[in-house]
Amino acid sequence: MDPTELTVVGARAAIAAGELSPVELLDAVLQRIADRNDELRAYLWVDEDGAREAARAAEAAAREGDDRPLLGIPICVKDVIDVAGMPTTAGAAHWRREPAVDAVAVARVREAGAVIVGKGNTNEFAYGIDGRNPHWGDVPNPLDTARLCGG
């Protein structure tokens, strides 16, 4: 089983059943990012250390019977939403902030047990749906790189 092919529901069930650990799932996701991000440009920032720490904590919590809905699930946060400790550029070349606190949405998914892996590329200031970005590179569809991620 390739953990990166699981749905969120499937991954959560495998973690709850002890068939997959959050650390194993994260390792698979980080390997997929390493293998494909040069081609796909999907991630602008990856917080490997922070994600590993969160995955280890989720693994310990799972062993204790924690049943939060996103426990151990790695997620990517679009680069228009603040994640403490990671820059927010909104896909722009000359605009950047360094947030000290998570956006409410990020805080809520963390509370639900999610593992924040990094920040995802976006149209500049999220102005569009096609994944075109002249500063960080266009994001193609991972299943057919001749197409854009929005179609």
Protein backbone atom coordinates (compact mmCIF):
# COMPACT_ATOMS: atom_id res chain seq x y z
CA MET A 1 0.00 0.00 0.00
CA ASP A 2 1.31 3.44 -0.98
CA PRO A 3 0.20 5.73 1.87
CA THR A 4 0.16 8.74 -0.46
CA GLU A 5 -2.64 7.14 -2.46
CA LEU A 6 -4.97 6.92 0.55
CA THR A 7 -7.87 9.29 1.01
CA VAL A 8 -8.05 11.25 4.26
CA VAL A 9 -10.74 8.85 5.47
CA GLY A 10 -8.64 5.83 4.49
CA ALA A 11 -5.48 7.19 6.10
CA ARG A 12 -7.33 8.11 9.27
CA ALA A 13 -8.85 4.61 9.46
CA ALA A 14 -5.42 2.99 8.92
CA ILE A 15 -3.91 5.14 11.67
CA ALA A 16 -6.77 4.36 14.06
CA ALA A 17 -6.40 0.63 13.35
CA GLY A 18 -2.65 0.74 13.93
CA GLU A 19 -1.96 -0.30 10.33
CA LEU A 20 -0.17 2.95 9.49
CA SER A 21 1.62 5.38 11.74
CA PRO A 22 1.49 9.15 11.27
CA VAL A 23 5.29 9.12 10.96
CA GLU A 24 5.13 6.53 8.15
CA LEU A 25 2.46 8.56 6.38
CA LEU A 26 4.47 11.76 6.71
CA ASP A 27 7.65 10.04 5.48
CA ALA A 28 5.78 8.90 2.37
CA VAL A 29 4.38 12.39 1.78
CA LEU A 30 7.78 14.04 2.24
CA GLN A 31 9.32 11.54 -0.17
CA ARG A 32 6.61 12.30 -2.74
CA ILE A 33 7.30 16.02 -2.34
CA ALA A 34 11.05 15.42 -2.77
CA ASP A 35 10.40 13.30 -5.85
CA ARG A 36 7.93 15.59 -7.61
CA ASN A 37 8.07 19.16 -6.33
CA ASP A 38 10.72 20.30 -8.84
CA GLU A 39 8.30 19.24 -11.59
CA LEU A 40 5.01 20.29 -9.95
CA ARG A 41 6.07 23.36 -7.92
CA ALA A 42 3.14 22.60 -5.59
CA TYR A 43 4.95 23.47 -2.35
CA LEU A 44 6.63 26.82 -1.78
CA TRP A 45 7.73 26.00 1.78
CA VAL A 46 8.12 22.66 3.53
CA ASP A 47 8.57 22.52 7.30
CA GLU A 48 10.04 19.04 7.58
CA ASP A 49 11.20 19.46 11.19
CA GLY A 50 7.89 20.87 12.41
CA ALA A 51 5.93 18.24 10.51
CA ARG A 52 8.06 15.43 11.95
CA GLU A 53 7.54 16.74 15.47
CA ALA A 54 3.78 16.93 14.92
CA ALA A 55 3.68 13.44 13.37
CA ARG A 56 5.57 11.95 16.33
CA ALA A 57 3.12 13.64 18.72
CA ALA A 58 0.18 12.32 16.67
CA GLU A 59 1.67 8.82 16.74
CA ALA A 60 1.92 8.93 20.54
CA ALA A 61 -1.63 10.29 20.79
CA ALA A 62 -2.94 7.54 18.49
CA ARG A 63 -1.36 4.88 20.71
CA GLU A 64 -3.26 6.42 23.64
CA GLY A 65 -6.57 6.15 21.77
CA ASP A 66 -6.90 9.77 20.62
CA ASP A 67 -9.65 9.86 17.99
CA ARG A 68 -9.51 13.43 16.71
CA PRO A 69 -10.79 13.53 13.13
CA LEU A 70 -7.53 14.62 11.46
CA LEU A 71 -5.05 12.98 13.82
CA GLY A 72 -1.83 12.33 11.90
CA ILE A 73 -3.12 13.56 8.55
CA PRO A 74 -0.52 15.66 6.68
CA ILE A 75 -1.91 18.77 5.03
CA CYS A 76 -0.67 21.61 2.88
CA VAL A 77 -1.88 25.14 3.60
CA LYS A 78 -2.39 27.50 0.69
CA ASP A 79 0.13 30.35 0.77
CA VAL A 80 -2.52 32.98 1.43
CA ILE A 81 -3.22 31.61 4.91
CA ASP A 82 -0.89 32.30 7.83
CA VAL A 83 1.02 29.47 9.48
CA ALA A 84 3.17 30.51 12.43
CA GLY A 85 6.85 30.20 11.58
CA MET A 86 6.35 29.98 7.81
CA PRO A 87 6.37 32.94 5.46
CA THR A 88 3.16 33.98 3.74
CA THR A 89 3.78 35.44 0.27
CA ALA A 90 0.34 35.00 -1.30
CA GLY A 91 2.20 33.81 -4.38
CA ALA A 92 3.66 37.30 -4.90
CA ALA A 93 7.28 38.18 -5.61
CA HIS A 94 7.57 41.35 -3.54
CA TRP A 95 5.08 40.87 -0.74
CA ARG A 96 5.79 38.79 2.33
CA ARG A 97 4.96 38.54 6.00
CA GLU A 98 6.30 36.33 8.78
CA PRO A 99 3.30 35.40 10.94
CA ALA A 100 3.85 34.70 14.62
CA VAL A 101 0.48 32.99 15.03
CA ASP A 102 -1.63 30.61 12.98
CA ALA A 103 -4.72 31.77 11.14
CA VAL A 104 -7.89 30.53 12.83
CA ALA A 105 -8.40 27.85 10.17
CA VAL A 106 -4.88 26.52 10.70
CA ALA A 107 -5.30 26.53 14.48
CA ARG A 108 -8.50 24.53 14.07
CA VAL A 109 -7.00 21.84 11.85
CA ARG A 110 -4.05 21.55 14.22
CA GLU A 111 -6.52 21.11 17.10
CA ALA A 112 -8.16 18.35 15.05
CA GLY A 113 -4.77 16.62 14.86
CA ALA A 114 -3.55 17.59 11.38
CA VAL A 115 0.17 17.70 10.60
CA ILE A 116 1.07 20.90 8.73
CA VAL A 117 3.63 19.96 6.08
CA GLY A 118 4.08 23.28 4.33
CA LYS A 119 2.68 26.06 2.21
CA GLY A 120 1.20 25.49 -1.23
CA ASN A 121 1.79 27.54 -4.35
CA THR A 122 -1.08 29.67 -5.59
CA ASN A 123 -1.99 32.22 -8.20
CA GLU A 124 -0.60 35.58 -7.12
CA PHE A 125 -2.85 36.82 -4.29
CA ALA A 126 -5.07 33.78 -5.10
CA TYR A 127 -6.40 35.70 -8.08
CA GLY A 128 -7.38 32.77 -10.27
CA ILE A 129 -8.00 29.05 -10.26
CA ASP A 130 -5.56 27.74 -12.84
CA GLY A 131 -2.35 27.57 -10.76
CA ARG A 132 -0.44 29.99 -12.94
CA ASN A 133 2.21 31.95 -11.07
CA PRO A 134 4.82 34.04 -12.89
CA HIS A 135 7.01 34.32 -9.77
CA TRP A 136 7.13 30.80 -8.32
CA GLY A 137 6.19 28.79 -11.40
CA ASP A 138 2.95 27.33 -12.70
CA VAL A 139 1.51 24.29 -10.95
CA PRO A 140 0.54 21.53 -13.37
CA ASN A 141 -1.99 18.80 -12.74
CA PRO A 142 -0.04 15.96 -11.06
CA LEU A 143 -1.94 13.32 -13.06
CA ASP A 144 -1.41 15.02 -16.43
CA THR A 145 1.34 17.63 -16.38
CA ALA A 146 0.24 18.93 -19.78
CA ARG A 147 -2.73 20.40 -17.94
CA LEU A 148 -2.89 22.99 -15.21
CA CYS A 149 -3.94 21.99 -11.71
CA GLY A 150 -7.26 23.81 -12.08
CA GLY A 151 -8.39 21.76 -15.03
